Amino acid sequence: MRLLAGEEQPQAGSVDAAGTVGHLAQERDRRTGESLRGYLARRTGVGAAEEALEEASQSLAEVWVWPCSSTGRRTC
């Protein structure tokens, strides 16, 4: 594909493409020791969304008090 897209030259001979060819290289941004799950979470934004959800959950847990109770326990 890189030959057809003109990104590389053949070692011998020539390659003629009829039309326009593009080559979209895949990103390989893996980090040493990173799991596939970690890679996907980072690359898709799922990891950031999980962190934001956890932070929001913690914030809600800190301010929530059950009605009818000053201790935070449900006593109604």
PDB file of N, CA and C in Angstrom:
ATOM      1  N   MET A   1       0.827  -1.188   0.000  1.00  0.00           N
ATOM      2  CA  MET A   1       0.000   0.000   0.000  1.00  0.00           C
ATOM      3  C   MET A   1       0.874   1.257   0.000  1.00  0.00           C
ATOM      4  N   ARG A   2       1.969   1.228   0.737  1.00  0.00           N
ATOM      5  CA  ARG A   2       2.834   2.418   0.760  1.00  0.00           C
ATOM      6  C   ARG A   2       3.452   2.682  -0.608  1.00  0.00           C
ATOM      7  N   LEU A   3       3.732   1.607  -1.352  1.00  0.00           N
ATOM      8  CA  LEU A   3       4.244   1.777  -2.718  1.00  0.00           C
ATOM      9  C   LEU A   3       3.191   2.435  -3.601  1.00  0.00           C
ATOM     10  N   LEU A   4       1.964   1.949  -3.511  1.00  0.00           N
ATOM     11  CA  LEU A   4       0.884   2.513  -4.324  1.00  0.00           C
ATOM     12  C   LEU A   4       0.587   3.964  -3.949  1.00  0.00           C
ATOM     13  N   ALA A   5       0.740   4.282  -2.671  1.00  0.00           N
ATOM     14  CA  ALA A   5       0.474   5.641  -2.205  1.00  0.00           C
ATOM     15  C   ALA A   5       1.640   6.576  -2.490  1.00  0.00           C
ATOM     16  N   GLY A   6       2.783   6.028  -2.957  1.00  0.00           N
ATOM     17  CA  GLY A   6       3.948   6.853  -3.254  1.00  0.00           C
ATOM     18  C   GLY A   6       4.776   7.204  -2.042  1.00  0.00           C
ATOM     19  N   GLU A   7       4.534   6.539  -0.907  1.00  0.00           N
ATOM     20  CA  GLU A   7       5.294   6.810   0.307  1.00  0.00           C
ATOM     21  C   GLU A   7       6.647   6.119   0.295  1.00  0.00           C
ATOM     22  N   GLU A   8       6.776   5.041  -0.464  1.00  0.00           N
ATOM     23  CA  GLU A   8       8.038   4.312  -0.577  1.00  0.00           C
ATOM     24  C   GLU A   8       8.308   4.021  -2.045  1.00  0.00           C
ATOM     25  N   GLN A   9       9.573   3.770  -2.349  1.00  0.00           N
ATOM     26  CA  GLN A   9       9.972   3.425  -3.708  1.00  0.00           C
ATOM     27  C   GLN A   9      10.278   1.932  -3.763  1.00  0.00           C
ATOM     28  N   PRO A  10       9.942   1.264  -4.862  1.00  0.00           N
ATOM     29  CA  PRO A  10      10.243  -0.166  -4.975  1.00  0.00           C
ATOM     30  C   PRO A  10      11.751  -0.388  -5.072  1.00  0.00           C
ATOM     31  N   GLN A  11      12.211  -1.550  -4.608  1.00  0.00           N
ATOM     32  CA  GLN A  11      13.634  -1.881  -4.677  1.00  0.00           C
ATOM     33  C   GLN A  11      14.080  -2.057  -6.122  1.00  0.00           C
ATOM     34  N   ALA A  12      13.180  -2.501  -6.979  1.00  0.00           N
ATOM     35  CA  ALA A  12      13.489  -2.664  -8.402  1.00  0.00           C
ATOM     36  C   ALA A  12      12.210  -2.462  -9.194  1.00  0.00           C
ATOM     37  N   GLY A  13      12.332  -2.009 -10.421  1.00  0.00           N
ATOM     38  CA  GLY A  13      11.159  -1.841 -11.273  1.00  0.00           C
ATOM     39  C   GLY A  13      10.362  -0.611 -10.899  1.00  0.00           C
ATOM     40  N   SER A  14       9.101  -0.618 -11.268  1.00  0.00           N
ATOM     41  CA  SER A  14       8.236   0.523 -10.974  1.00  0.00           C
ATOM     42  C   SER A  14       6.827   0.033 -10.663  1.00  0.00           C
ATOM     43  N   VAL A  15       6.092   0.876  -9.986  1.00  0.00           N
ATOM     44  CA  VAL A  15       4.702   0.581  -9.643  1.00  0.00           C
ATOM     45  C   VAL A  15       3.867   1.751 -10.132  1.00  0.00           C
ATOM     46  N   ASP A  16       2.923   1.467 -10.992  1.00  0.00           N
ATOM     47  CA  ASP A  16       2.030   2.500 -11.505  1.00  0.00           C
ATOM     48  C   ASP A  16       0.633   2.274 -10.936  1.00  0.00           C
ATOM     49  N   ALA A  17       0.074   3.324 -10.366  1.00  0.00           N
ATOM     50  CA  ALA A  17      -1.280   3.240  -9.815  1.00  0.00           C
ATOM     51  C   ALA A  17      -2.207   4.058 -10.697  1.00  0.00           C
ATOM     52  N   ALA A  18      -3.288   3.458 -11.125  1.00  0.00           N
ATOM     53  CA  ALA A  18      -4.286   4.181 -11.912  1.00  0.00           C
ATOM     54  C   ALA A  18      -5.228   4.871 -10.936  1.00  0.00           C
ATOM     55  N   GLY A  19      -5.104   6.154 -10.791  1.00  0.00           N
ATOM     56  CA  GLY A  19      -5.942   6.887  -9.854  1.00  0.00           C
ATOM     57  C   GLY A  19      -5.132   7.356  -8.665  1.00  0.00           C
ATOM     58  N   THR A  20      -5.834   7.765  -7.646  1.00  0.00           N
ATOM     59  CA  THR A  20      -5.191   8.255  -6.433  1.00  0.00           C
ATOM     60  C   THR A  20      -5.349   7.220  -5.332  1.00  0.00           C
ATOM     61  N   VAL A  21      -4.245   6.933  -4.676  1.00  0.00           N
ATOM     62  CA  VAL A  21      -4.259   5.956  -3.587  1.00  0.00           C
ATOM     63  C   VAL A  21      -3.721   6.636  -2.343  1.00  0.00           C
ATOM     64  N   GLY A  22      -4.406   6.468  -1.242  1.00  0.00           N
ATOM     65  CA  GLY A  22      -3.939   6.997   0.029  1.00  0.00           C
ATOM     66  C   GLY A  22      -3.656   5.857   0.987  1.00  0.00           C
ATOM     67  N   HIS A  23      -2.740   6.083   1.902  1.00  0.00           N
ATOM     68  CA  HIS A  23      -2.399   5.073   2.910  1.00  0.00           C
ATOM     69  C   HIS A  23      -2.538   5.719   4.275  1.00  0.00           C
ATOM     70  N   LEU A  24      -3.449   5.215   5.054  1.00  0.00           N
ATOM     71  CA  LEU A  24      -3.657   5.719   6.401  1.00  0.00           C
ATOM     72  C   LEU A  24      -3.016   4.731   7.365  1.00  0.00           C
ATOM     73  N   ALA A  25      -1.862   5.100   7.873  1.00  0.00           N
ATOM     74  CA  ALA A  25      -1.136   4.210   8.784  1.00  0.00           C
ATOM     75  C   ALA A  25      -1.894   4.077  10.101  1.00  0.00           C
ATOM     76  N   GLN A  26      -1.911   2.872  10.647  1.00  0.00           N
ATOM     77  CA  GLN A  26      -2.549   2.651  11.937  1.00  0.00           C
ATOM     78  C   GLN A  26      -1.628   3.153  13.031  1.00  0.00           C
ATOM     79  N   GLU A  27      -2.229   3.710  14.058  1.00  0.00           N
ATOM     80  CA  GLU A  27      -1.444   4.218  15.171  1.00  0.00           C
ATOM     81  C   GLU A  27      -1.014   3.061  16.056  1.00  0.00           C
ATOM     82  N   ARG A  28       0.240   3.065  16.395  1.00  0.00           N
ATOM     83  CA  ARG A  28       0.740   2.067  17.342  1.00  0.00           C
ATOM     84  C   ARG A  28       1.366   2.826  18.496  1.00  0.00           C
ATOM     85  N   ASP A  29       0.551   3.177  19.423  1.00  0.00           N
ATOM     86  CA  ASP A  29       0.945   4.033  20.528  1.00  0.00           C
ATOM     87  C   ASP A  29       0.968   3.239  21.832  1.00  0.00           C
ATOM     88  N   ARG A  30       1.333   1.961  21.746  1.00  0.00           N
ATOM     89  CA  ARG A  30       1.354   1.147  22.966  1.00  0.00           C
ATOM     90  C   ARG A  30       2.521   1.548  23.839  1.00  0.00           C
ATOM     91  N   ARG A  31       2.319   1.441  25.101  1.00  0.00           N
ATOM     92  CA  ARG A  31       3.357   1.756  26.081  1.00  0.00           C
ATOM     93  C   ARG A  31       3.849   0.465  26.709  1.00  0.00           C
ATOM     94  N   THR A  32       5.108   0.425  27.045  1.00  0.00           N
ATOM     95  CA  THR A  32       5.708  -0.768  27.625  1.00  0.00           C
ATOM     96  C   THR A  32       4.940  -1.194  28.867  1.00  0.00           C
ATOM     97  N   GLY A  33       4.546  -2.463  28.904  1.00  0.00           N
ATOM     98  CA  GLY A  33       3.832  -3.007  30.051  1.00  0.00           C
ATOM     99  C   GLY A  33       2.342  -2.709  30.068  1.00  0.00           C
ATOM    100  N   GLU A  34       1.851  -1.972  29.086  1.00  0.00           N
ATOM    101  CA  GLU A  34       0.436  -1.613  29.055  1.00  0.00           C
ATOM    102  C   GLU A  34      -0.392  -2.777  28.519  1.00  0.00           C
ATOM    103  N   SER A  35      -1.478  -3.082  29.198  1.00  0.00           N
ATOM    104  CA  SER A  35      -2.367  -4.157  28.753  1.00  0.00           C
ATOM    105  C   SER A  35      -3.207  -3.676  27.577  1.00  0.00           C
ATOM    106  N   LEU A  36      -3.797  -4.617  26.873  1.00  0.00           N
ATOM    107  CA  LEU A  36      -4.684  -4.260  25.768  1.00  0.00           C
ATOM    108  C   LEU A  36      -5.864  -3.450  26.289  1.00  0.00           C
ATOM    109  N   ARG A  37      -6.394  -3.863  27.439  1.00  0.00           N
ATOM    110  CA  ARG A  37      -7.514  -3.122  28.031  1.00  0.00           C
ATOM    111  C   ARG A  37      -7.108  -1.685  28.355  1.00  0.00           C
ATOM    112  N   GLY A  38      -5.919  -1.528  28.921  1.00  0.00           N
ATOM    113  CA  GLY A  38      -5.427  -0.193  29.241  1.00  0.00           C
ATOM    114  C   GLY A  38      -5.226   0.658  28.000  1.00  0.00           C
ATOM    115  N   TYR A  39      -4.679   0.038  26.950  1.00  0.00           N
ATOM    116  CA  TYR A  39      -4.469   0.734  25.681  1.00  0.00           C
ATOM    117  C   TYR A  39      -5.796   1.219  25.105  1.00  0.00           C
ATOM    118  N   LEU A  40      -6.780   0.318  25.060  1.00  0.00           N
ATOM    119  CA  LEU A  40      -8.082   0.684  24.502  1.00  0.00           C
ATOM    120  C   LEU A  40      -8.768   1.757  25.342  1.00  0.00           C
ATOM    121  N   ALA A  41      -8.657   1.644  26.661  1.00  0.00           N
ATOM    122  CA  ALA A  41      -9.275   2.645  27.535  1.00  0.00           C
ATOM    123  C   ALA A  41      -8.660   4.019  27.298  1.00  0.00           C
ATOM    124  N   ARG A  42      -7.350   4.054  27.126  1.00  0.00           N
ATOM    125  CA  ARG A  42      -6.665   5.322  26.905  1.00  0.00           C
ATOM    126  C   ARG A  42      -6.963   5.886  25.521  1.00  0.00           C
ATOM    127  N   ARG A  43      -6.934   5.061  24.507  1.00  0.00           N
ATOM    128  CA  ARG A  43      -7.099   5.530  23.129  1.00  0.00           C
ATOM    129  C   ARG A  43      -8.544   5.891  22.784  1.00  0.00           C
ATOM    130  N   THR A  44      -9.510   5.276  23.444  1.00  0.00           N
ATOM    131  CA  THR A  44     -10.913   5.548  23.120  1.00  0.00           C
ATOM    132  C   THR A  44     -11.540   6.590  24.039  1.00  0.00           C
ATOM    133  N   GLY A  45     -10.865   6.949  25.107  1.00  0.00           N
ATOM    134  CA  GLY A  45     -11.427   7.901  26.048  1.00  0.00           C
ATOM    135  C   GLY A  45     -12.226   7.242  27.153  1.00  0.00           C
ATOM    136  N   VAL A  46     -12.340   5.923  27.117  1.00  0.00           N
ATOM    137  CA  VAL A  46     -13.104   5.210  28.139  1.00  0.00           C
ATOM    138  C   VAL A  46     -12.441   5.375  29.503  1.00  0.00           C
ATOM    139  N   GLY A  47     -11.123   5.337  29.540  1.00  0.00           N
ATOM    140  CA  GLY A  47     -10.409   5.489  30.808  1.00  0.00           C
ATOM    141  C   GLY A  47     -10.713   6.827  31.464  1.00  0.00           C
ATOM    142  N   ALA A  48     -10.685   7.890  30.681  1.00  0.00           N
ATOM    143  CA  ALA A  48     -10.981   9.226  31.209  1.00  0.00           C
ATOM    144  C   ALA A  48     -12.433   9.313  31.675  1.00  0.00           C
ATOM    145  N   ALA A  49     -13.335   8.684  30.933  1.00  0.00           N
ATOM    146  CA  ALA A  49     -14.752   8.692  31.315  1.00  0.00           C
ATOM    147  C   ALA A  49     -14.958   7.930  32.621  1.00  0.00           C
ATOM    148  N   GLU A  50     -14.255   6.802  32.786  1.00  0.00           N
ATOM    149  CA  GLU A  50     -14.368   6.035  34.030  1.00  0.00           C
ATOM    150  C   GLU A  50     -13.854   6.846  35.210  1.00  0.00           C
ATOM    151  N   GLU A  51     -12.738   7.557  35.018  1.00  0.00           N
ATOM    152  CA  GLU A  51     -12.191   8.391  36.091  1.00  0.00           C
ATOM    153  C   GLU A  51     -13.167   9.506  36.466  1.00  0.00           C
ATOM    154  N   ALA A  52     -13.753  10.150  35.468  1.00  0.00           N
ATOM    155  CA  ALA A  52     -14.714  11.228  35.732  1.00  0.00           C
ATOM    156  C   ALA A  52     -15.937  10.698  36.470  1.00  0.00           C
ATOM    157  N   LEU A  53     -16.407   9.517  36.079  1.00  0.00           N
ATOM    158  CA  LEU A  53     -17.555   8.908  36.745  1.00  0.00           C
ATOM    159  C   LEU A  53     -17.220   8.581  38.195  1.00  0.00           C
ATOM    160  N   GLU A  54     -16.030   8.043  38.431  1.00  0.00           N
ATOM    161  CA  GLU A  54     -15.617   7.709  39.799  1.00  0.00           C
ATOM    162  C   GLU A  54     -15.533   8.970  40.660  1.00  0.00           C
ATOM    163  N   GLU A  55     -14.953  10.036  40.103  1.00  0.00           N
ATOM    164  CA  GLU A  55     -14.859  11.299  40.845  1.00  0.00           C
ATOM    165  C   GLU A  55     -16.244  11.855  41.169  1.00  0.00           C
ATOM    166  N   ALA A  56     -17.145  11.796  40.205  1.00  0.00           N
ATOM    167  CA  ALA A  56     -18.507  12.285  40.433  1.00  0.00           C
ATOM    168  C   ALA A  56     -19.207  11.446  41.494  1.00  0.00           C
ATOM    169  N   SER A  57     -19.000  10.136  41.444  1.00  0.00           N
ATOM    170  CA  SER A  57     -19.616   9.242  42.434  1.00  0.00           C
ATOM    171  C   SER A  57     -19.100   9.551  43.829  1.00  0.00           C
ATOM    172  N   GLN A  58     -17.787   9.796  43.947  1.00  0.00           N
ATOM    173  CA  GLN A  58     -17.205  10.124  45.248  1.00  0.00           C
ATOM    174  C   GLN A  58     -17.760  11.448  45.771  1.00  0.00           C
ATOM    175  N   SER A  59     -17.898  12.419  44.882  1.00  0.00           N
ATOM    176  CA  SER A  59     -18.449  13.716  45.291  1.00  0.00           C
ATOM    177  C   SER A  59     -19.875  13.572  45.796  1.00  0.00           C
ATOM    178  N   LEU A  60     -20.675  12.783  45.101  1.00  0.00           N
ATOM    179  CA  LEU A  60     -22.051  12.560  45.536  1.00  0.00           C
ATOM    180  C   LEU A  60     -22.091  11.822  46.865  1.00  0.00           C
ATOM    181  N   ALA A  61     -21.206  10.854  47.046  1.00  0.00           N
ATOM    182  CA  ALA A  61     -21.188  10.078  48.286  1.00  0.00           C
ATOM    183  C   ALA A  61     -20.802  10.953  49.471  1.00  0.00           C
ATOM    184  N   GLU A  62     -19.937  11.942  49.241  1.00  0.00           N
ATOM    185  CA  GLU A  62     -19.489  12.808  50.326  1.00  0.00           C
ATOM    186  C   GLU A  62     -20.569  13.780  50.788  1.00  0.00           C
ATOM    187  N   VAL A  63     -21.446  14.215  49.902  1.00  0.00           N
ATOM    188  CA  VAL A  63     -22.438  15.217  50.283  1.00  0.00           C
ATOM    189  C   VAL A  63     -23.809  14.632  50.574  1.00  0.00           C
ATOM    190  N   TRP A  64     -24.048  13.383  50.226  1.00  0.00           N
ATOM    191  CA  TRP A  64     -25.369  12.794  50.403  1.00  0.00           C
ATOM    192  C   TRP A  64     -25.613  12.442  51.861  1.00  0.00           C
ATOM    193  N   VAL A  65     -26.745  12.861  52.383  1.00  0.00           N
ATOM    194  CA  VAL A  65     -27.208  12.479  53.715  1.00  0.00           C
ATOM    195  C   VAL A  65     -28.647  12.030  53.538  1.00  0.00           C
ATOM    196  N   TRP A  66     -28.960  10.853  54.079  1.00  0.00           N
ATOM    197  CA  TRP A  66     -30.329  10.348  53.966  1.00  0.00           C
ATOM    198  C   TRP A  66     -31.285  11.311  54.645  1.00  0.00           C
ATOM    199  N   PRO A  67     -32.457  11.496  54.081  1.00  0.00           N
ATOM    200  CA  PRO A  67     -33.471  12.341  54.731  1.00  0.00           C
ATOM    201  C   PRO A  67     -33.781  11.791  56.127  1.00  0.00           C
ATOM    202  N   CYS A  68     -34.122  12.664  57.037  1.00  0.00           N
ATOM    203  CA  CYS A  68     -34.497  12.305  58.415  1.00  0.00           C
ATOM    204  C   CYS A  68     -33.297  11.876  59.244  1.00  0.00           C
ATOM    205  N   SER A  69     -32.080  12.127  58.786  1.00  0.00           N
ATOM    206  CA  SER A  69     -30.928  11.665  59.544  1.00  0.00           C
ATOM    207  C   SER A  69     -29.793  12.672  59.441  1.00  0.00           C
ATOM    208  N   SER A  70     -29.160  12.943  60.542  1.00  0.00           N
ATOM    209  CA  SER A  70     -27.988  13.817  60.521  1.00  0.00           C
ATOM    210  C   SER A  70     -26.700  13.002  60.490  1.00  0.00           C
ATOM    211  N   THR A  71     -26.828  11.682  60.654  1.00  0.00           N
ATOM    212  CA  THR A  71     -25.638  10.828  60.684  1.00  0.00           C
ATOM    213  C   THR A  71     -25.311  10.228  59.330  1.00  0.00           C
ATOM    214  N   GLY A  72     -26.203  10.372  58.377  1.00  0.00           N
ATOM    215  CA  GLY A  72     -25.965   9.773  57.074  1.00  0.00           C
ATOM    216  C   GLY A  72     -26.546   8.385  56.946  1.00  0.00           C
ATOM    217  N   ARG A  73     -27.097   7.869  58.047  1.00  0.00           N
ATOM    218  CA  ARG A  73     -27.714   6.540  57.988  1.00  0.00           C
ATOM    219  C   ARG A  73     -29.209   6.694  57.793  1.00  0.00           C
ATOM    220  N   ARG A  74     -29.769   5.771  57.095  1.00  0.00           N
ATOM    221  CA  ARG A  74     -31.212   5.827  56.837  1.00  0.00           C
ATOM    222  C   ARG A  74     -31.957   5.364  58.089  1.00  0.00           C
ATOM    223  N   THR A  75     -32.626   6.284  58.727  1.00  0.00           N
ATOM    224  CA  THR A  75     -33.332   5.948  59.972  1.00  0.00           C
ATOM    225  C   THR A  75     -34.810   6.280  59.905  1.00  0.00           C
ATOM    226  N   CYS A  76     -35.317   6.683  58.751  1.00  0.00           N
ATOM    227  CA  CYS A  76     -36.733   7.071  58.642  1.00  0.00           C
ATOM    228  C   CYS A  76     -37.629   5.856  58.711  1.00  0.00           C
TER     229      CYS A  76
END
